[in-house]
Amino acid sequence: METAWLAYRQEGPRKANTKYKRRLRQPWTEKQVKQLRSLAKANTPTGVISLKMERAPGSIASKAQREEISLKPINRSSNNRRKKTAKRG
């Protein structure tokens, strides 16, 4: 049974498709932390930050939490933002 598992591990989807690469954990540099702070201060969504920094959204959220950086949007109200129009009668 173990030989079948080893064969799968050696011929799995990552081995067959070279484009499918597992991203290794990259250490955060001080420059990247400063960029994260500036993007969070500019109220950039987490998804956009992840694209700009080429990191996973979960990685950005966890690093922001460890560095005590708030990713909550500051300029959005929780109320309905649509303007109410008068009913046509």
PDB file of N, CA and C in Angstrom:
ATOM      1  N   MET A   1       0.825  -1.198   0.000  1.00  0.00           N
ATOM      2  CA  MET A   1       0.000   0.000   0.000  1.00  0.00           C
ATOM      3  C   MET A   1       0.866   1.257   0.000  1.00  0.00           C
ATOM      4  N   GLU A   2       1.965   1.209   0.707  1.00  0.00           N
ATOM      5  CA  GLU A   2       2.834   2.379   0.749  1.00  0.00           C
ATOM      6  C   GLU A   2       3.491   2.646  -0.588  1.00  0.00           C
ATOM      7  N   THR A   3       3.744   1.596  -1.354  1.00  0.00           N
ATOM      8  CA  THR A   3       4.378   1.802  -2.662  1.00  0.00           C
ATOM      9  C   THR A   3       3.448   2.557  -3.600  1.00  0.00           C
ATOM     10  N   ALA A   4       2.136   2.312  -3.497  1.00  0.00           N
ATOM     11  CA  ALA A   4       1.188   3.048  -4.329  1.00  0.00           C
ATOM     12  C   ALA A   4       1.183   4.526  -3.950  1.00  0.00           C
ATOM     13  N   TRP A   5       1.292   4.795  -2.654  1.00  0.00           N
ATOM     14  CA  TRP A   5       1.320   6.194  -2.203  1.00  0.00           C
ATOM     15  C   TRP A   5       2.582   6.892  -2.680  1.00  0.00           C
ATOM     16  N   LEU A   6       3.702   6.206  -2.605  1.00  0.00           N
ATOM     17  CA  LEU A   6       4.953   6.796  -3.065  1.00  0.00           C
ATOM     18  C   LEU A   6       4.923   7.056  -4.559  1.00  0.00           C
ATOM     19  N   ALA A   7       4.317   6.139  -5.311  1.00  0.00           N
ATOM     20  CA  ALA A   7       4.207   6.335  -6.757  1.00  0.00           C
ATOM     21  C   ALA A   7       3.341   7.552  -7.055  1.00  0.00           C
ATOM     22  N   TYR A   8       2.252   7.746  -6.301  1.00  0.00           N
ATOM     23  CA  TYR A   8       1.396   8.914  -6.511  1.00  0.00           C
ATOM     24  C   TYR A   8       2.146  10.192  -6.174  1.00  0.00           C
ATOM     25  N   ARG A   9       2.914  10.158  -5.101  1.00  0.00           N
ATOM     26  CA  ARG A   9       3.655  11.357  -4.705  1.00  0.00           C
ATOM     27  C   ARG A   9       4.648  11.754  -5.778  1.00  0.00           C
ATOM     28  N   GLN A  10       5.256  10.790  -6.436  1.00  0.00           N
ATOM     29  CA  GLN A  10       6.246  11.094  -7.450  1.00  0.00           C
ATOM     30  C   GLN A  10       5.618  11.468  -8.784  1.00  0.00           C
ATOM     31  N   GLU A  11       4.381  11.058  -9.017  1.00  0.00           N
ATOM     32  CA  GLU A  11       3.731  11.341 -10.285  1.00  0.00           C
ATOM     33  C   GLU A  11       2.488  12.205 -10.116  1.00  0.00           C
ATOM     34  N   GLY A  12       2.379  12.914  -9.020  1.00  0.00           N
ATOM     35  CA  GLY A  12       1.191  13.703  -8.723  1.00  0.00           C
ATOM     36  C   GLY A  12       1.038  14.893  -9.647  1.00  0.00           C
ATOM     37  N   PRO A  13       0.025  15.715  -9.427  1.00  0.00           N
ATOM     38  CA  PRO A  13      -0.261  16.833 -10.331  1.00  0.00           C
ATOM     39  C   PRO A  13       0.862  17.861 -10.391  1.00  0.00           C
ATOM     40  N   ARG A  14       1.612  18.014  -9.311  1.00  0.00           N
ATOM     41  CA  ARG A  14       2.682  19.005  -9.331  1.00  0.00           C
ATOM     42  C   ARG A  14       3.857  18.545 -10.169  1.00  0.00           C
ATOM     43  N   LYS A  15       4.089  17.244 -10.191  1.00  0.00           N
ATOM     44  CA  LYS A  15       5.196  16.711 -10.982  1.00  0.00           C
ATOM     45  C   LYS A  15       4.844  16.680 -12.462  1.00  0.00           C
ATOM     46  N   ALA A  16       3.585  16.362 -12.777  1.00  0.00           N
ATOM     47  CA  ALA A  16       3.177  16.239 -14.164  1.00  0.00           C
ATOM     48  C   ALA A  16       3.081  17.595 -14.854  1.00  0.00           C
ATOM     49  N   ASN A  17       2.600  18.607 -14.134  1.00  0.00           N
ATOM     50  CA  ASN A  17       2.422  19.924 -14.724  1.00  0.00           C
ATOM     51  C   ASN A  17       3.448  20.872 -14.109  1.00  0.00           C
ATOM     52  N   THR A  18       4.413  21.271 -14.891  1.00  0.00           N
ATOM     53  CA  THR A  18       5.471  22.123 -14.347  1.00  0.00           C
ATOM     54  C   THR A  18       4.988  23.544 -14.075  1.00  0.00           C
ATOM     55  N   LYS A  19       3.884  23.949 -14.692  1.00  0.00           N
ATOM     56  CA  LYS A  19       3.349  25.294 -14.434  1.00  0.00           C
ATOM     57  C   LYS A  19       2.702  25.377 -13.052  1.00  0.00           C
ATOM     58  N   TYR A  20       2.296  24.227 -12.516  1.00  0.00           N
ATOM     59  CA  TYR A  20       1.651  24.180 -11.214  1.00  0.00           C
ATOM     60  C   TYR A  20       2.741  24.126 -10.167  1.00  0.00           C
ATOM     61  N   LYS A  21       3.119  25.273  -9.646  1.00  0.00           N
ATOM     62  CA  LYS A  21       4.193  25.339  -8.673  1.00  0.00           C
ATOM     63  C   LYS A  21       3.640  25.737  -7.316  1.00  0.00           C
ATOM     64  N   ARG A  22       4.154  25.106  -6.308  1.00  0.00           N
ATOM     65  CA  ARG A  22       3.780  25.453  -4.946  1.00  0.00           C
ATOM     66  C   ARG A  22       4.632  26.639  -4.521  1.00  0.00           C
ATOM     67  N   ARG A  23       3.993  27.675  -4.049  1.00  0.00           N
ATOM     68  CA  ARG A  23       4.733  28.843  -3.608  1.00  0.00           C
ATOM     69  C   ARG A  23       5.327  28.555  -2.236  1.00  0.00           C
ATOM     70  N   LEU A  24       6.610  28.700  -2.148  1.00  0.00           N
ATOM     71  CA  LEU A  24       7.264  28.476  -0.876  1.00  0.00           C
ATOM     72  C   LEU A  24       7.072  29.683   0.021  1.00  0.00           C
ATOM     73  N   ARG A  25       7.166  29.465   1.297  1.00  0.00           N
ATOM     74  CA  ARG A  25       7.014  30.573   2.244  1.00  0.00           C
ATOM     75  C   ARG A  25       8.181  31.526   2.081  1.00  0.00           C
ATOM     76  N   GLN A  26       7.850  32.750   1.813  1.00  0.00           N
ATOM     77  CA  GLN A  26       8.886  33.757   1.617  1.00  0.00           C
ATOM     78  C   GLN A  26       8.931  34.633   2.854  1.00  0.00           C
ATOM     79  N   PRO A  27      10.105  34.894   3.389  1.00  0.00           N
ATOM     80  CA  PRO A  27      10.181  35.792   4.542  1.00  0.00           C
ATOM     81  C   PRO A  27       9.831  37.216   4.144  1.00  0.00           C
ATOM     82  N   TRP A  28       9.223  37.941   5.058  1.00  0.00           N
ATOM     83  CA  TRP A  28       8.832  39.321   4.806  1.00  0.00           C
ATOM     84  C   TRP A  28      10.039  40.231   5.032  1.00  0.00           C
ATOM     85  N   THR A  29      10.277  41.119   4.092  1.00  0.00           N
ATOM     86  CA  THR A  29      11.327  42.108   4.270  1.00  0.00           C
ATOM     87  C   THR A  29      10.727  43.362   4.886  1.00  0.00           C
ATOM     88  N   GLU A  30      11.577  44.215   5.406  1.00  0.00           N
ATOM     89  CA  GLU A  30      11.093  45.467   6.012  1.00  0.00           C
ATOM     90  C   GLU A  30      10.431  46.351   4.954  1.00  0.00           C
ATOM     91  N   LYS A  31      10.946  46.305   3.745  1.00  0.00           N
ATOM     92  CA  LYS A  31      10.371  47.084   2.642  1.00  0.00           C
ATOM     93  C   LYS A  31       8.941  46.622   2.336  1.00  0.00           C
ATOM     94  N   GLN A  32       8.720  45.308   2.357  1.00  0.00           N
ATOM     95  CA  GLN A  32       7.385  44.775   2.093  1.00  0.00           C
ATOM     96  C   GLN A  32       6.409  45.125   3.214  1.00  0.00           C
ATOM     97  N   VAL A  33       6.887  45.139   4.448  1.00  0.00           N
ATOM     98  CA  VAL A  33       6.019  45.518   5.571  1.00  0.00           C
ATOM     99  C   VAL A  33       5.625  46.988   5.446  1.00  0.00           C
ATOM    100  N   LYS A  34       6.564  47.830   5.035  1.00  0.00           N
ATOM    101  CA  LYS A  34       6.237  49.245   4.824  1.00  0.00           C
ATOM    102  C   LYS A  34       5.230  49.410   3.696  1.00  0.00           C
ATOM    103  N   GLN A  35       5.393  48.617   2.624  1.00  0.00           N
ATOM    104  CA  GLN A  35       4.440  48.672   1.515  1.00  0.00           C
ATOM    105  C   GLN A  35       3.062  48.222   1.975  1.00  0.00           C
ATOM    106  N   LEU A  36       3.020  47.183   2.806  1.00  0.00           N
ATOM    107  CA  LEU A  36       1.745  46.708   3.345  1.00  0.00           C
ATOM    108  C   LEU A  36       1.078  47.781   4.192  1.00  0.00           C
ATOM    109  N   ARG A  37       1.864  48.460   5.023  1.00  0.00           N
ATOM    110  CA  ARG A  37       1.316  49.542   5.846  1.00  0.00           C
ATOM    111  C   ARG A  37       0.742  50.663   4.973  1.00  0.00           C
ATOM    112  N   SER A  38       1.475  51.053   3.928  1.00  0.00           N
ATOM    113  CA  SER A  38       1.014  52.159   3.085  1.00  0.00           C
ATOM    114  C   SER A  38      -0.233  51.769   2.295  1.00  0.00           C
ATOM    115  N   LEU A  39      -0.286  50.522   1.798  1.00  0.00           N
ATOM    116  CA  LEU A  39      -1.475  50.085   1.058  1.00  0.00           C
ATOM    117  C   LEU A  39      -2.687  49.973   1.978  1.00  0.00           C
ATOM    118  N   ALA A  40      -2.474  49.513   3.208  1.00  0.00           N
ATOM    119  CA  ALA A  40      -3.579  49.408   4.161  1.00  0.00           C
ATOM    120  C   ALA A  40      -4.071  50.792   4.568  1.00  0.00           C
ATOM    121  N   LYS A  41      -3.138  51.728   4.710  1.00  0.00           N
ATOM    122  CA  LYS A  41      -3.512  53.088   5.072  1.00  0.00           C
ATOM    123  C   LYS A  41      -4.288  53.764   3.942  1.00  0.00           C
ATOM    124  N   ALA A  42      -3.970  53.378   2.694  1.00  0.00           N
ATOM    125  CA  ALA A  42      -4.678  53.921   1.532  1.00  0.00           C
ATOM    126  C   ALA A  42      -6.010  53.227   1.288  1.00  0.00           C
ATOM    127  N   ASN A  43      -6.398  52.321   2.203  1.00  0.00           N
ATOM    128  CA  ASN A  43      -7.690  51.643   2.142  1.00  0.00           C
ATOM    129  C   ASN A  43      -7.799  50.709   0.935  1.00  0.00           C
ATOM    130  N   THR A  44      -6.702  50.056   0.582  1.00  0.00           N
ATOM    131  CA  THR A  44      -6.684  49.118  -0.534  1.00  0.00           C
ATOM    132  C   THR A  44      -7.267  47.783  -0.075  1.00  0.00           C
ATOM    133  N   PRO A  45      -8.153  47.169  -0.868  1.00  0.00           N
ATOM    134  CA  PRO A  45      -8.707  45.867  -0.486  1.00  0.00           C
ATOM    135  C   PRO A  45      -7.623  44.793  -0.411  1.00  0.00           C
ATOM    136  N   THR A  46      -7.863  43.787   0.407  1.00  0.00           N
ATOM    137  CA  THR A  46      -6.872  42.730   0.623  1.00  0.00           C
ATOM    138  C   THR A  46      -6.550  41.984  -0.671  1.00  0.00           C
ATOM    139  N   GLY A  47      -7.549  41.771  -1.514  1.00  0.00           N
ATOM    140  CA  GLY A  47      -7.311  41.083  -2.786  1.00  0.00           C
ATOM    141  C   GLY A  47      -6.373  41.849  -3.697  1.00  0.00           C
ATOM    142  N   VAL A  48      -6.523  43.157  -3.726  1.00  0.00           N
ATOM    143  CA  VAL A  48      -5.655  43.992  -4.555  1.00  0.00           C
ATOM    144  C   VAL A  48      -4.243  44.021  -3.980  1.00  0.00           C
ATOM    145  N   ILE A  49      -4.150  44.075  -2.646  1.00  0.00           N
ATOM    146  CA  ILE A  49      -2.835  44.047  -1.998  1.00  0.00           C
ATOM    147  C   ILE A  49      -2.127  42.738  -2.344  1.00  0.00           C
ATOM    148  N   SER A  50      -2.872  41.630  -2.339  1.00  0.00           N
ATOM    149  CA  SER A  50      -2.257  40.342  -2.641  1.00  0.00           C
ATOM    150  C   SER A  50      -1.743  40.287  -4.073  1.00  0.00           C
ATOM    151  N   LEU A  51      -2.443  40.908  -5.004  1.00  0.00           N
ATOM    152  CA  LEU A  51      -1.972  40.934  -6.382  1.00  0.00           C
ATOM    153  C   LEU A  51      -0.741  41.817  -6.526  1.00  0.00           C
ATOM    154  N   LYS A  52      -0.738  42.958  -5.857  1.00  0.00           N
ATOM    155  CA  LYS A  52       0.399  43.873  -5.962  1.00  0.00           C
ATOM    156  C   LYS A  52       1.658  43.306  -5.314  1.00  0.00           C
ATOM    157  N   MET A  53       1.476  42.607  -4.200  1.00  0.00           N
ATOM    158  CA  MET A  53       2.634  42.087  -3.473  1.00  0.00           C
ATOM    159  C   MET A  53       2.970  40.645  -3.845  1.00  0.00           C
ATOM    160  N   GLU A  54       2.133  40.033  -4.697  1.00  0.00           N
ATOM    161  CA  GLU A  54       2.314  38.653  -5.148  1.00  0.00           C
ATOM    162  C   GLU A  54       2.397  37.685  -3.977  1.00  0.00           C
ATOM    163  N   ARG A  55       1.458  37.825  -3.062  1.00  0.00           N
ATOM    164  CA  ARG A  55       1.339  36.932  -1.912  1.00  0.00           C
ATOM    165  C   ARG A  55      -0.118  36.530  -1.761  1.00  0.00           C
ATOM    166  N   ALA A  56      -0.345  35.483  -1.022  1.00  0.00           N
ATOM    167  CA  ALA A  56      -1.707  34.995  -0.798  1.00  0.00           C
ATOM    168  C   ALA A  56      -2.460  35.959   0.117  1.00  0.00           C
ATOM    169  N   PRO A  57      -3.778  36.119  -0.086  1.00  0.00           N
ATOM    170  CA  PRO A  57      -4.555  36.992   0.793  1.00  0.00           C
ATOM    171  C   PRO A  57      -4.476  36.575   2.260  1.00  0.00           C
ATOM    172  N   GLY A  58      -4.426  35.283   2.524  1.00  0.00           N
ATOM    173  CA  GLY A  58      -4.300  34.810   3.900  1.00  0.00           C
ATOM    174  C   GLY A  58      -2.968  35.197   4.517  1.00  0.00           C
ATOM    175  N   SER A  59      -1.935  35.172   3.705  1.00  0.00           N
ATOM    176  CA  SER A  59      -0.608  35.575   4.174  1.00  0.00           C
ATOM    177  C   SER A  59      -0.597  37.052   4.549  1.00  0.00           C
ATOM    178  N   ILE A  60      -1.259  37.855   3.735  1.00  0.00           N
ATOM    179  CA  ILE A  60      -1.312  39.299   4.003  1.00  0.00           C
ATOM    180  C   ILE A  60      -2.136  39.577   5.248  1.00  0.00           C
ATOM    181  N   ALA A  61      -3.255  38.876   5.383  1.00  0.00           N
ATOM    182  CA  ALA A  61      -4.104  39.083   6.562  1.00  0.00           C
ATOM    183  C   ALA A  61      -3.386  38.680   7.844  1.00  0.00           C
ATOM    184  N   SER A  62      -2.667  37.563   7.807  1.00  0.00           N
ATOM    185  CA  SER A  62      -1.987  37.118   9.020  1.00  0.00           C
ATOM    186  C   SER A  62      -0.817  38.035   9.374  1.00  0.00           C
ATOM    187  N   LYS A  63      -0.099  38.516   8.367  1.00  0.00           N
ATOM    188  CA  LYS A  63       1.012  39.424   8.650  1.00  0.00           C
ATOM    189  C   LYS A  63       0.486  40.759   9.179  1.00  0.00           C
ATOM    190  N   ALA A  64      -0.614  41.233   8.619  1.00  0.00           N
ATOM    191  CA  ALA A  64      -1.209  42.476   9.102  1.00  0.00           C
ATOM    192  C   ALA A  64      -1.658  42.326  10.552  1.00  0.00           C
ATOM    193  N   GLN A  65      -2.195  41.174  10.892  1.00  0.00           N
ATOM    194  CA  GLN A  65      -2.630  40.945  12.268  1.00  0.00           C
ATOM    195  C   GLN A  65      -1.427  40.915  13.211  1.00  0.00           C
ATOM    196  N   ARG A  66      -0.338  40.262  12.784  1.00  0.00           N
ATOM    197  CA  ARG A  66       0.863  40.191  13.627  1.00  0.00           C
ATOM    198  C   ARG A  66       1.507  41.562  13.813  1.00  0.00           C
ATOM    199  N   GLU A  67       1.449  42.393  12.776  1.00  0.00           N
ATOM    200  CA  GLU A  67       2.055  43.731  12.842  1.00  0.00           C
ATOM    201  C   GLU A  67       1.064  44.779  13.368  1.00  0.00           C
ATOM    202  N   GLU A  68      -0.150  44.332  13.718  1.00  0.00           N
ATOM    203  CA  GLU A  68      -1.214  45.217  14.208  1.00  0.00           C
ATOM    204  C   GLU A  68      -1.569  46.302  13.196  1.00  0.00           C
ATOM    205  N   ILE A  69      -1.725  45.870  11.938  1.00  0.00           N
ATOM    206  CA  ILE A  69      -2.146  46.756  10.854  1.00  0.00           C
ATOM    207  C   ILE A  69      -3.613  46.452  10.572  1.00  0.00           C
ATOM    208  N   SER A  70      -4.448  47.474  10.569  1.00  0.00           N
ATOM    209  CA  SER A  70      -5.870  47.270  10.322  1.00  0.00           C
ATOM    210  C   SER A  70      -6.134  47.251   8.825  1.00  0.00           C
ATOM    211  N   LEU A  71      -6.822  46.211   8.359  1.00  0.00           N
ATOM    212  CA  LEU A  71      -7.196  46.109   6.950  1.00  0.00           C
ATOM    213  C   LEU A  71      -8.670  46.436   6.739  1.00  0.00           C
ATOM    214  N   LYS A  72      -9.347  46.875   7.793  1.00  0.00           N
ATOM    215  CA  LYS A  72     -10.755  47.207   7.656  1.00  0.00           C
ATOM    216  C   LYS A  72     -10.907  48.491   6.854  1.00  0.00           C
ATOM    217  N   PRO A  73     -11.875  48.536   5.939  1.00  0.00           N
ATOM    218  CA  PRO A  73     -12.083  49.773   5.187  1.00  0.00           C
ATOM    219  C   PRO A  73     -12.611  50.872   6.101  1.00  0.00           C
ATOM    220  N   ILE A  74     -11.993  52.041   6.012  1.00  0.00           N
ATOM    221  CA  ILE A  74     -12.373  53.118   6.919  1.00  0.00           C
ATOM    222  C   ILE A  74     -13.410  54.063   6.326  1.00  0.00           C
ATOM    223  N   ASN A  75     -13.597  54.020   5.017  1.00  0.00           N
ATOM    224  CA  ASN A  75     -14.503  54.992   4.415  1.00  0.00           C
ATOM    225  C   ASN A  75     -15.811  54.372   3.942  1.00  0.00           C
ATOM    226  N   ARG A  76     -16.160  53.200   4.446  1.00  0.00           N
ATOM    227  CA  ARG A  76     -17.427  52.587   4.060  1.00  0.00           C
ATOM    228  C   ARG A  76     -18.370  52.581   5.246  1.00  0.00           C
ATOM    229  N   SER A  77     -19.579  52.988   5.016  1.00  0.00           N
ATOM    230  CA  SER A  77     -20.566  52.937   6.090  1.00  0.00           C
ATOM    231  C   SER A  77     -21.268  51.587   6.053  1.00  0.00           C
ATOM    232  N   SER A  78     -21.761  51.165   7.163  1.00  0.00           N
ATOM    233  CA  SER A  78     -22.450  49.883   7.216  1.00  0.00           C
ATOM    234  C   SER A  78     -23.902  50.015   6.754  1.00  0.00           C
ATOM    235  N   ASN A  79     -24.384  51.232   6.611  1.00  0.00           N
ATOM    236  CA  ASN A  79     -25.757  51.444   6.171  1.00  0.00           C
ATOM    237  C   ASN A  79     -25.860  51.286   4.665  1.00  0.00           C
ATOM    238  N   ASN A  80     -27.081  51.238   4.194  1.00  0.00           N
ATOM    239  CA  ASN A  80     -27.309  51.125   2.759  1.00  0.00           C
ATOM    240  C   ASN A  80     -26.830  52.412   2.088  1.00  0.00           C
ATOM    241  N   ARG A  81     -25.999  52.281   1.059  1.00  0.00           N
ATOM    242  CA  ARG A  81     -25.416  53.464   0.435  1.00  0.00           C
ATOM    243  C   ARG A  81     -26.207  53.966  -0.764  1.00  0.00           C
ATOM    244  N   ARG A  82     -27.250  53.274  -1.146  1.00  0.00           N
ATOM    245  CA  ARG A  82     -28.037  53.736  -2.289  1.00  0.00           C
ATOM    246  C   ARG A  82     -28.880  54.943  -1.902  1.00  0.00           C
ATOM    247  N   LYS A  83     -28.950  55.859  -2.830  1.00  0.00           N
ATOM    248  CA  LYS A  83     -29.824  57.007  -2.590  1.00  0.00           C
ATOM    249  C   LYS A  83     -31.261  56.578  -2.834  1.00  0.00           C
ATOM    250  N   LYS A  84     -32.105  56.974  -1.933  1.00  0.00           N
ATOM    251  CA  LYS A  84     -33.510  56.604  -2.072  1.00  0.00           C
ATOM    252  C   LYS A  84     -34.182  57.605  -2.995  1.00  0.00           C
ATOM    253  N   THR A  85     -34.874  57.089  -3.982  1.00  0.00           N
ATOM    254  CA  THR A  85     -35.573  57.957  -4.930  1.00  0.00           C
ATOM    255  C   THR A  85     -37.060  57.999  -4.567  1.00  0.00           C
ATOM    256  N   ALA A  86     -37.687  59.072  -4.950  1.00  0.00           N
ATOM    257  CA  ALA A  86     -39.110  59.218  -4.659  1.00  0.00           C
ATOM    258  C   ALA A  86     -39.901  58.236  -5.533  1.00  0.00           C
ATOM    259  N   LYS A  87     -40.959  57.689  -4.949  1.00  0.00           N
ATOM    260  CA  LYS A  87     -41.778  56.743  -5.702  1.00  0.00           C
ATOM    261  C   LYS A  87     -42.589  57.483  -6.747  1.00  0.00           C
ATOM    262  N   ARG A  88     -42.638  56.875  -7.891  1.00  0.00           N
ATOM    263  CA  ARG A  88     -43.444  57.496  -8.968  1.00  0.00           C
ATOM    264  C   ARG A  88     -44.893  57.060  -8.778  1.00  0.00           C
ATOM    265  N   GLY A  89     -45.760  58.003  -8.887  1.00  0.00           N
ATOM    266  CA  GLY A  89     -47.137  57.648  -8.602  1.00  0.00           C
ATOM    267  C   GLY A  89     -48.054  57.947  -9.630  1.00  0.00           C
TER     268      GLY A  89
END
